[in-house]
């Protein structure tokens, strides 16, 4: 454990940020699963609605540094491609 006051504060801040990032990452993964579940059920309208929410959460996560911007783009691209395949 840190002895210096500033190091103690930094440890507290790091823990709060870790828990906040964990919460946001979990919410992001949950939203991705909702899209995938809707795709597997074959419900295109539900999948598109879930995709809109997932895309927003992915962008927010990327901007906040939770995930890399390319990872967010990759997820959005792959999910959108799967939704478009449903209509074909």
PDB file of N, CA and C in Angstrom:
ATOM      1  N   UNK A   1       0.846  -1.188   0.000  1.00  0.00           N
ATOM      2  CA  UNK A   1       0.000   0.000   0.000  1.00  0.00           C
ATOM      3  C   UNK A   1       0.881   1.237   0.000  1.00  0.00           C
ATOM      4  N   UNK A   2       0.378   2.263  -0.645  1.00  0.00           N
ATOM      5  CA  UNK A   2       1.132   3.507  -0.755  1.00  0.00           C
ATOM      6  C   UNK A   2       1.216   4.217   0.594  1.00  0.00           C
ATOM      7  N   UNK A   3       2.311   4.937   0.803  1.00  0.00           N
ATOM      8  CA  UNK A   3       2.503   5.701   2.034  1.00  0.00           C
ATOM      9  C   UNK A   3       2.289   7.192   1.823  1.00  0.00           C
ATOM     10  N   UNK A   4       2.567   7.667   0.630  1.00  0.00           N
ATOM     11  CA  UNK A   4       2.466   9.095   0.335  1.00  0.00           C
ATOM     12  C   UNK A   4       1.007   9.428  -0.016  1.00  0.00           C
ATOM     13  N   UNK A   5       0.553  10.585   0.458  1.00  0.00           N
ATOM     14  CA  UNK A   5      -0.850  10.963   0.273  1.00  0.00           C
ATOM     15  C   UNK A   5      -1.256  10.979  -1.196  1.00  0.00           C
ATOM     16  N   UNK A   6      -0.414  11.521  -2.052  1.00  0.00           N
ATOM     17  CA  UNK A   6      -0.758  11.592  -3.471  1.00  0.00           C
ATOM     18  C   UNK A   6      -0.837  10.192  -4.091  1.00  0.00           C
ATOM     19  N   UNK A   7      -0.012   9.278  -3.617  1.00  0.00           N
ATOM     20  CA  UNK A   7      -0.046   7.897  -4.123  1.00  0.00           C
ATOM     21  C   UNK A   7      -1.313   7.187  -3.644  1.00  0.00           C
ATOM     22  N   UNK A   8      -1.734   7.492  -2.422  1.00  0.00           N
ATOM     23  CA  UNK A   8      -2.986   6.914  -1.911  1.00  0.00           C
ATOM     24  C   UNK A   8      -4.169   7.407  -2.737  1.00  0.00           C
ATOM     25  N   UNK A   9      -4.164   8.691  -3.037  1.00  0.00           N
ATOM     26  CA  UNK A   9      -5.237   9.261  -3.846  1.00  0.00           C
ATOM     27  C   UNK A   9      -5.240   8.634  -5.233  1.00  0.00           C
ATOM     28  N   UNK A  10      -4.072   8.486  -5.819  1.00  0.00           N
ATOM     29  CA  UNK A  10      -3.956   7.883  -7.149  1.00  0.00           C
ATOM     30  C   UNK A  10      -4.496   6.449  -7.131  1.00  0.00           C
ATOM     31  N   UNK A  11      -4.223   5.709  -6.056  1.00  0.00           N
ATOM     32  CA  UNK A  11      -4.732   4.341  -5.936  1.00  0.00           C
ATOM     33  C   UNK A  11      -6.257   4.335  -5.856  1.00  0.00           C
ATOM     34  N   UNK A  12      -6.831   5.280  -5.107  1.00  0.00           N
ATOM     35  CA  UNK A  12      -8.290   5.376  -5.017  1.00  0.00           C
ATOM     36  C   UNK A  12      -8.891   5.708  -6.382  1.00  0.00           C
ATOM     37  N   UNK A  13      -8.281   6.673  -7.061  1.00  0.00           N
ATOM     38  CA  UNK A  13      -8.783   7.069  -8.380  1.00  0.00           C
ATOM     39  C   UNK A  13      -8.698   5.906  -9.377  1.00  0.00           C
ATOM     40  N   UNK A  14      -7.604   5.171  -9.331  1.00  0.00           N
ATOM     41  CA  UNK A  14      -7.425   4.053 -10.244  1.00  0.00           C
ATOM     42  C   UNK A  14      -8.487   2.984 -10.015  1.00  0.00           C
ATOM     43  N   UNK A  15      -8.815   2.728  -8.758  1.00  0.00           N
ATOM     44  CA  UNK A  15      -9.825   1.717  -8.445  1.00  0.00           C
ATOM     45  C   UNK A  15     -11.199   2.148  -8.939  1.00  0.00           C
ATOM     46  N   UNK A  16     -11.546   3.414  -8.735  1.00  0.00           N
ATOM     47  CA  UNK A  16     -12.831   3.917  -9.214  1.00  0.00           C
ATOM     48  C   UNK A  16     -12.901   3.812 -10.731  1.00  0.00           C
ATOM     49  N   UNK A  17     -11.835   4.208 -11.394  1.00  0.00           N
ATOM     50  CA  UNK A  17     -11.814   4.146 -12.863  1.00  0.00           C
ATOM     51  C   UNK A  17     -11.875   2.706 -13.363  1.00  0.00           C
ATOM     52  N   UNK A  18     -11.200   1.791 -12.664  1.00  0.00           N
ATOM     53  CA  UNK A  18     -11.216   0.379 -13.061  1.00  0.00           C
ATOM     54  C   UNK A  18     -12.638  -0.172 -12.991  1.00  0.00           C
ATOM     55  N   UNK A  19     -13.337   0.128 -11.907  1.00  0.00           N
ATOM     56  CA  UNK A  19     -14.702  -0.352 -11.759  1.00  0.00           C
ATOM     57  C   UNK A  19     -15.640   0.281 -12.787  1.00  0.00           C
ATOM     58  N   UNK A  20     -15.447   1.563 -13.065  1.00  0.00           N
ATOM     59  CA  UNK A  20     -16.275   2.245 -14.061  1.00  0.00           C
ATOM     60  C   UNK A  20     -16.038   1.651 -15.447  1.00  0.00           C
ATOM     61  N   UNK A  21     -14.776   1.404 -15.787  1.00  0.00           N
ATOM     62  CA  UNK A  21     -14.458   0.795 -17.088  1.00  0.00           C
ATOM     63  C   UNK A  21     -15.036  -0.609 -17.183  1.00  0.00           C
ATOM     64  N   UNK A  22     -14.971  -1.348 -16.078  1.00  0.00           N
ATOM     65  CA  UNK A  22     -15.512  -2.708 -16.047  1.00  0.00           C
ATOM     66  C   UNK A  22     -17.015  -2.686 -16.315  1.00  0.00           C
ATOM     67  N   UNK A  23     -17.713  -1.724 -15.700  1.00  0.00           N
ATOM     68  CA  UNK A  23     -19.155  -1.583 -15.897  1.00  0.00           C
ATOM     69  C   UNK A  23     -19.468  -1.257 -17.356  1.00  0.00           C
ATOM     70  N   UNK A  24     -18.736  -0.323 -17.918  1.00  0.00           N
ATOM     71  CA  UNK A  24     -18.986   0.072 -19.308  1.00  0.00           C
ATOM     72  C   UNK A  24     -18.666  -1.061 -20.275  1.00  0.00           C
ATOM     73  N   UNK A  25     -17.595  -1.795 -20.016  1.00  0.00           N
ATOM     74  CA  UNK A  25     -17.224  -2.921 -20.875  1.00  0.00           C
ATOM     75  C   UNK A  25     -18.302  -4.009 -20.814  1.00  0.00           C
ATOM     76  N   UNK A  26     -18.820  -4.254 -19.626  1.00  0.00           N
ATOM     77  CA  UNK A  26     -19.869  -5.246 -19.452  1.00  0.00           C
ATOM     78  C   UNK A  26     -21.137  -4.831 -20.196  1.00  0.00           C
ATOM     79  N   UNK A  27     -21.510  -3.572 -20.091  1.00  0.00           N
ATOM     80  CA  UNK A  27     -22.697  -3.076 -20.793  1.00  0.00           C
ATOM     81  C   UNK A  27     -22.522  -3.196 -22.303  1.00  0.00           C
ATOM     82  N   UNK A  28     -21.315  -2.924 -22.776  1.00  0.00           N
ATOM     83  CA  UNK A  28     -21.028  -3.024 -24.200  1.00  0.00           C
ATOM     84  C   UNK A  28     -21.198  -4.473 -24.673  1.00  0.00           C
ATOM     85  N   UNK A  29     -20.638  -5.403 -23.925  1.00  0.00           N
ATOM     86  CA  UNK A  29     -20.724  -6.817 -24.303  1.00  0.00           C
ATOM     87  C   UNK A  29     -22.164  -7.309 -24.270  1.00  0.00           C
ATOM     88  N   UNK A  30     -22.917  -6.853 -23.287  1.00  0.00           N
ATOM     89  CA  UNK A  30     -24.327  -7.231 -23.197  1.00  0.00           C
ATOM     90  C   UNK A  30     -25.085  -6.749 -24.421  1.00  0.00           C
ATOM     91  N   UNK A  31     -24.830  -5.531 -24.846  1.00  0.00           N
ATOM     92  CA  UNK A  31     -25.520  -4.981 -26.014  1.00  0.00           C
ATOM     93  C   UNK A  31     -25.136  -5.743 -27.282  1.00  0.00           C
ATOM     94  N   UNK A  32     -23.867  -6.130 -27.398  1.00  0.00           N
ATOM     95  CA  UNK A  32     -23.440  -6.918 -28.559  1.00  0.00           C
ATOM     96  C   UNK A  32     -24.161  -8.262 -28.578  1.00  0.00           C
ATOM     97  N   UNK A  33     -24.329  -8.866 -27.409  1.00  0.00           N
ATOM     98  CA  UNK A  33     -25.029 -10.152 -27.334  1.00  0.00           C
ATOM     99  C   UNK A  33     -26.493 -10.016 -27.723  1.00  0.00           C
ATOM    100  N   UNK A  34     -27.105  -8.868 -27.406  1.00  0.00           N
ATOM    101  CA  UNK A  34     -28.501  -8.648 -27.793  1.00  0.00           C
ATOM    102  C   UNK A  34     -28.640  -8.616 -29.305  1.00  0.00           C
ATOM    103  N   UNK A  35     -27.674  -7.984 -29.979  1.00  0.00           N
ATOM    104  CA  UNK A  35     -27.712  -7.936 -31.442  1.00  0.00           C
ATOM    105  C   UNK A  35     -27.556  -9.343 -32.011  1.00  0.00           C
ATOM    106  N   UNK A  36     -26.582 -10.067 -31.512  1.00  0.00           N
ATOM    107  CA  UNK A  36     -26.322 -11.423 -32.014  1.00  0.00           C
ATOM    108  C   UNK A  36     -27.528 -12.327 -31.762  1.00  0.00           C
ATOM    109  N   UNK A  37     -28.148 -12.191 -30.589  1.00  0.00           N
ATOM    110  CA  UNK A  37     -29.319 -13.008 -30.270  1.00  0.00           C
ATOM    111  C   UNK A  37     -30.470 -12.694 -31.236  1.00  0.00           C
ATOM    112  N   UNK A  38     -30.687 -11.417 -31.530  1.00  0.00           N
ATOM    113  CA  UNK A  38     -31.745 -11.027 -32.455  1.00  0.00           C
ATOM    114  C   UNK A  38     -31.459 -11.563 -33.856  1.00  0.00           C
ATOM    115  N   UNK A  39     -30.199 -11.556 -34.255  1.00  0.00           N
ATOM    116  CA  UNK A  39     -29.823 -12.087 -35.570  1.00  0.00           C
ATOM    117  C   UNK A  39     -30.097 -13.589 -35.622  1.00  0.00           C
ATOM    118  N   UNK A  40     -29.742 -14.291 -34.564  1.00  0.00           N
ATOM    119  CA  UNK A  40     -29.956 -15.740 -34.524  1.00  0.00           C
ATOM    120  C   UNK A  40     -31.439 -16.095 -34.499  1.00  0.00           C
ATOM    121  N   UNK A  41     -32.266 -15.219 -33.906  1.00  0.00           N
ATOM    122  CA  UNK A  41     -33.709 -15.445 -33.883  1.00  0.00           C
ATOM    123  C   UNK A  41     -34.339 -15.144 -35.245  1.00  0.00           C
ATOM    124  N   UNK A  42     -33.619 -14.412 -36.091  1.00  0.00           N
ATOM    125  CA  UNK A  42     -34.126 -14.078 -37.413  1.00  0.00           C
ATOM    126  C   UNK A  42     -35.025 -12.853 -37.429  1.00  0.00           C
ATOM    127  N   UNK A  43     -35.013 -12.083 -36.367  1.00  0.00           N
ATOM    128  CA  UNK A  43     -35.843 -10.879 -36.255  1.00  0.00           C
ATOM    129  C   UNK A  43     -35.027  -9.671 -36.717  1.00  0.00           C
ATOM    130  N   UNK A  44     -35.227  -9.277 -37.974  1.00  0.00           N
ATOM    131  CA  UNK A  44     -34.390  -8.225 -38.558  1.00  0.00           C
ATOM    132  C   UNK A  44     -34.655  -6.857 -37.926  1.00  0.00           C
ATOM    133  N   UNK A  45     -35.927  -6.539 -37.655  1.00  0.00           N
ATOM    134  CA  UNK A  45     -36.243  -5.237 -37.057  1.00  0.00           C
ATOM    135  C   UNK A  45     -35.630  -5.107 -35.671  1.00  0.00           C
ATOM    136  N   UNK A  46     -35.750  -6.154 -34.889  1.00  0.00           N
ATOM    137  CA  UNK A  46     -35.175  -6.148 -33.539  1.00  0.00           C
ATOM    138  C   UNK A  46     -33.650  -6.067 -33.610  1.00  0.00           C
ATOM    139  N   UNK A  47     -33.070  -6.757 -34.589  1.00  0.00           N
ATOM    140  CA  UNK A  47     -31.616  -6.746 -34.756  1.00  0.00           C
ATOM    141  C   UNK A  47     -31.128  -5.349 -35.134  1.00  0.00           C
ATOM    142  N   UNK A  48     -31.846  -4.680 -36.022  1.00  0.00           N
ATOM    143  CA  UNK A  48     -31.439  -3.337 -36.431  1.00  0.00           C
ATOM    144  C   UNK A  48     -31.555  -2.343 -35.279  1.00  0.00           C
ATOM    145  N   UNK A  49     -32.622  -2.473 -34.486  1.00  0.00           N
ATOM    146  CA  UNK A  49     -32.787  -1.586 -33.333  1.00  0.00           C
ATOM    147  C   UNK A  49     -31.672  -1.815 -32.316  1.00  0.00           C
ATOM    148  N   UNK A  50     -31.351  -3.086 -32.075  1.00  0.00           N
ATOM    149  CA  UNK A  50     -30.281  -3.413 -31.134  1.00  0.00           C
ATOM    150  C   UNK A  50     -28.924  -2.959 -31.681  1.00  0.00           C
ATOM    151  N   UNK A  51     -28.765  -3.036 -33.003  1.00  0.00           N
ATOM    152  CA  UNK A  51     -27.516  -2.605 -33.624  1.00  0.00           C
ATOM    153  C   UNK A  51     -27.295  -1.110 -33.435  1.00  0.00           C
ATOM    154  N   UNK A  52     -28.361  -0.323 -33.542  1.00  0.00           N
ATOM    155  CA  UNK A  52     -28.236   1.125 -33.355  1.00  0.00           C
ATOM    156  C   UNK A  52     -27.722   1.446 -31.955  1.00  0.00           C
ATOM    157  N   UNK A  53     -28.277   0.760 -30.949  1.00  0.00           N
ATOM    158  CA  UNK A  53     -27.820   0.960 -29.570  1.00  0.00           C
ATOM    159  C   UNK A  53     -26.378   0.489 -29.401  1.00  0.00           C
ATOM    160  N   UNK A  54     -26.069  -0.657 -29.997  1.00  0.00           N
ATOM    161  CA  UNK A  54     -24.719  -1.214 -29.871  1.00  0.00           C
ATOM    162  C   UNK A  54     -23.689  -0.300 -30.535  1.00  0.00           C
ATOM    163  N   UNK A  55     -24.021   0.254 -31.685  1.00  0.00           N
ATOM    164  CA  UNK A  55     -23.087   1.137 -32.388  1.00  0.00           C
ATOM    165  C   UNK A  55     -22.776   2.369 -31.556  1.00  0.00           C
ATOM    166  N   UNK A  56     -23.802   2.921 -30.910  1.00  0.00           N
ATOM    167  CA  UNK A  56     -23.589   4.091 -30.060  1.00  0.00           C
ATOM    168  C   UNK A  56     -22.687   3.745 -28.877  1.00  0.00           C
ATOM    169  N   UNK A  57     -22.955   2.613 -28.243  1.00  0.00           N
ATOM    170  CA  UNK A  57     -22.152   2.210 -27.086  1.00  0.00           C
ATOM    171  C   UNK A  57     -20.711   1.899 -27.506  1.00  0.00           C
ATOM    172  N   UNK A  58     -20.539   1.288 -28.676  1.00  0.00           N
ATOM    173  CA  UNK A  58     -19.184   1.006 -29.172  1.00  0.00           C
ATOM    174  C   UNK A  58     -18.419   2.305 -29.421  1.00  0.00           C
ATOM    175  N   UNK A  59     -19.089   3.281 -30.012  1.00  0.00           N
ATOM    176  CA  UNK A  59     -18.424   4.558 -30.281  1.00  0.00           C
ATOM    177  C   UNK A  59     -18.038   5.264 -28.982  1.00  0.00           C
ATOM    178  N   UNK A  60     -18.933   5.247 -28.007  1.00  0.00           N
ATOM    179  CA  UNK A  60     -18.637   5.875 -26.715  1.00  0.00           C
ATOM    180  C   UNK A  60     -17.461   5.166 -26.043  1.00  0.00           C
ATOM    181  N   UNK A  61     -17.475   3.835 -26.093  1.00  0.00           N
ATOM    182  CA  UNK A  61     -16.384   3.065 -25.488  1.00  0.00           C
ATOM    183  C   UNK A  61     -15.049   3.365 -26.162  1.00  0.00           C
ATOM    184  N   UNK A  62     -15.080   3.506 -27.468  1.00  0.00           N
ATOM    185  CA  UNK A  62     -13.850   3.811 -28.194  1.00  0.00           C
ATOM    186  C   UNK A  62     -13.348   5.208 -27.847  1.00  0.00           C
ATOM    187  N   UNK A  63     -14.259   6.166 -27.759  1.00  0.00           N
ATOM    188  CA  UNK A  63     -13.858   7.539 -27.439  1.00  0.00           C
ATOM    189  C   UNK A  63     -13.316   7.658 -26.024  1.00  0.00           C
ATOM    190  N   UNK A  64     -13.808   6.841 -25.121  1.00  0.00           N
ATOM    191  CA  UNK A  64     -13.361   6.891 -23.734  1.00  0.00           C
ATOM    192  C   UNK A  64     -12.133   6.018 -23.469  1.00  0.00           C
ATOM    193  N   UNK A  65     -11.681   5.309 -24.490  1.00  0.00           N
ATOM    194  CA  UNK A  65     -10.471   4.517 -24.331  1.00  0.00           C
ATOM    195  C   UNK A  65     -10.690   3.147 -23.724  1.00  0.00           C
ATOM    196  N   UNK A  66     -11.937   2.706 -23.646  1.00  0.00           N
ATOM    197  CA  UNK A  66     -12.230   1.375 -23.101  1.00  0.00           C
ATOM    198  C   UNK A  66     -11.762   0.318 -24.108  1.00  0.00           C
ATOM    199  N   UNK A  67     -12.051   0.577 -25.384  1.00  0.00           N
ATOM    200  CA  UNK A  67     -11.582  -0.298 -26.459  1.00  0.00           C
ATOM    201  C   UNK A  67     -10.947   0.584 -27.527  1.00  0.00           C
ATOM    202  N   UNK A  68     -10.210  -0.047 -28.420  1.00  0.00           N
ATOM    203  CA  UNK A  68      -9.563   0.677 -29.514  1.00  0.00           C
ATOM    204  C   UNK A  68     -10.597   1.044 -30.572  1.00  0.00           C
ATOM    205  N   UNK A  69     -10.375   2.138 -31.256  1.00  0.00           N
ATOM    206  CA  UNK A  69     -11.316   2.593 -32.280  1.00  0.00           C
ATOM    207  C   UNK A  69     -11.482   1.567 -33.399  1.00  0.00           C
ATOM    208  N   UNK A  70     -10.408   0.899 -33.747  1.00  0.00           N
ATOM    209  CA  UNK A  70     -10.498  -0.111 -34.809  1.00  0.00           C
ATOM    210  C   UNK A  70     -11.333  -1.313 -34.370  1.00  0.00           C
ATOM    211  N   UNK A  71     -11.268  -1.647 -33.096  1.00  0.00           N
ATOM    212  CA  UNK A  71     -12.081  -2.755 -32.583  1.00  0.00           C
ATOM    213  C   UNK A  71     -13.554  -2.393 -32.670  1.00  0.00           C
ATOM    214  N   UNK A  72     -13.894  -1.161 -32.324  1.00  0.00           N
ATOM    215  CA  UNK A  72     -15.284  -0.711 -32.426  1.00  0.00           C
ATOM    216  C   UNK A  72     -15.745  -0.768 -33.886  1.00  0.00           C
ATOM    217  N   UNK A  73     -14.911  -0.295 -34.784  1.00  0.00           N
ATOM    218  CA  UNK A  73     -15.255  -0.304 -36.206  1.00  0.00           C
ATOM    219  C   UNK A  73     -15.419  -1.736 -36.713  1.00  0.00           C
ATOM    220  N   UNK A  74     -14.575  -2.627 -36.271  1.00  0.00           N
ATOM    221  CA  UNK A  74     -14.641  -4.031 -36.684  1.00  0.00           C
ATOM    222  C   UNK A  74     -15.945  -4.673 -36.213  1.00  0.00           C
ATOM    223  N   UNK A  75     -16.315  -4.442 -34.960  1.00  0.00           N
ATOM    224  CA  UNK A  75     -17.563  -4.991 -34.433  1.00  0.00           C
ATOM    225  C   UNK A  75     -18.761  -4.457 -35.220  1.00  0.00           C
ATOM    226  N   UNK A  76     -18.787  -3.151 -35.449  1.00  0.00           N
ATOM    227  CA  UNK A  76     -19.909  -2.552 -36.160  1.00  0.00           C
ATOM    228  C   UNK A  76     -20.009  -3.106 -37.578  1.00  0.00           C
ATOM    229  N   UNK A  77     -18.880  -3.237 -38.242  1.00  0.00           N
ATOM    230  CA  UNK A  77     -18.863  -3.730 -39.611  1.00  0.00           C
ATOM    231  C   UNK A  77     -19.374  -5.164 -39.690  1.00  0.00           C
ATOM    232  N   UNK A  78     -18.904  -6.001 -38.796  1.00  0.00           N
ATOM    233  CA  UNK A  78     -19.300  -7.417 -38.836  1.00  0.00           C
ATOM    234  C   UNK A  78     -20.772  -7.604 -38.475  1.00  0.00           C
ATOM    235  N   UNK A  79     -21.238  -6.859 -37.475  1.00  0.00           N
ATOM    236  CA  UNK A  79     -22.646  -6.974 -37.096  1.00  0.00           C
ATOM    237  C   UNK A  79     -23.547  -6.469 -38.222  1.00  0.00           C
ATOM    238  N   UNK A  80     -23.176  -5.347 -38.827  1.00  0.00           N
ATOM    239  CA  UNK A  80     -23.968  -4.797 -39.917  1.00  0.00           C
ATOM    240  C   UNK A  80     -23.998  -5.759 -41.103  1.00  0.00           C
ATOM    241  N   UNK A  81     -22.888  -6.396 -41.387  1.00  0.00           N
ATOM    242  CA  UNK A  81     -22.844  -7.348 -42.492  1.00  0.00           C
ATOM    243  C   UNK A  81     -23.781  -8.526 -42.225  1.00  0.00           C
ATOM    244  N   UNK A  82     -23.827  -8.978 -40.984  1.00  0.00           N
ATOM    245  CA  UNK A  82     -24.714 -10.102 -40.635  1.00  0.00           C
ATOM    246  C   UNK A  82     -26.184  -9.693 -40.742  1.00  0.00           C
ATOM    247  N   UNK A  83     -26.476  -8.449 -40.377  1.00  0.00           N
ATOM    248  CA  UNK A  83     -27.869  -7.964 -40.480  1.00  0.00           C
ATOM    249  C   UNK A  83     -28.266  -7.853 -41.957  1.00  0.00           C
ATOM    250  N   UNK A  84     -27.362  -7.343 -42.774  1.00  0.00           N
ATOM    251  CA  UNK A  84     -27.656  -7.215 -44.205  1.00  0.00           C
ATOM    252  C   UNK A  84     -27.847  -8.576 -44.870  1.00  0.00           C
ATOM    253  N   UNK A  85     -27.136  -9.594 -44.398  1.00  0.00           N
ATOM    254  CA  UNK A  85     -27.284 -10.942 -44.941  1.00  0.00           C
ATOM    255  C   UNK A  85     -28.668 -11.508 -44.652  1.00  0.00           C
ATOM    256  N   UNK A  86     -29.275 -11.060 -43.571  1.00  0.00           N
ATOM    257  CA  UNK A  86     -30.599 -11.557 -43.206  1.00  0.00           C
ATOM    258  C   UNK A  86     -31.622 -11.214 -44.274  1.00  0.00           C
ATOM    259  N   UNK A  87     -31.493 -10.036 -44.880  1.00  0.00           N
ATOM    260  CA  UNK A  87     -32.459  -9.598 -45.882  1.00  0.00           C
ATOM    261  C   UNK A  87     -32.237 -10.248 -47.235  1.00  0.00           C
ATOM    262  N   UNK A  88     -31.026 -10.717 -47.484  1.00  0.00           N
ATOM    263  CA  UNK A  88     -30.712 -11.285 -48.804  1.00  0.00           C
ATOM    264  C   UNK A  88     -31.223 -12.694 -48.971  1.00  0.00           C
TER     265      UNK A  88
END
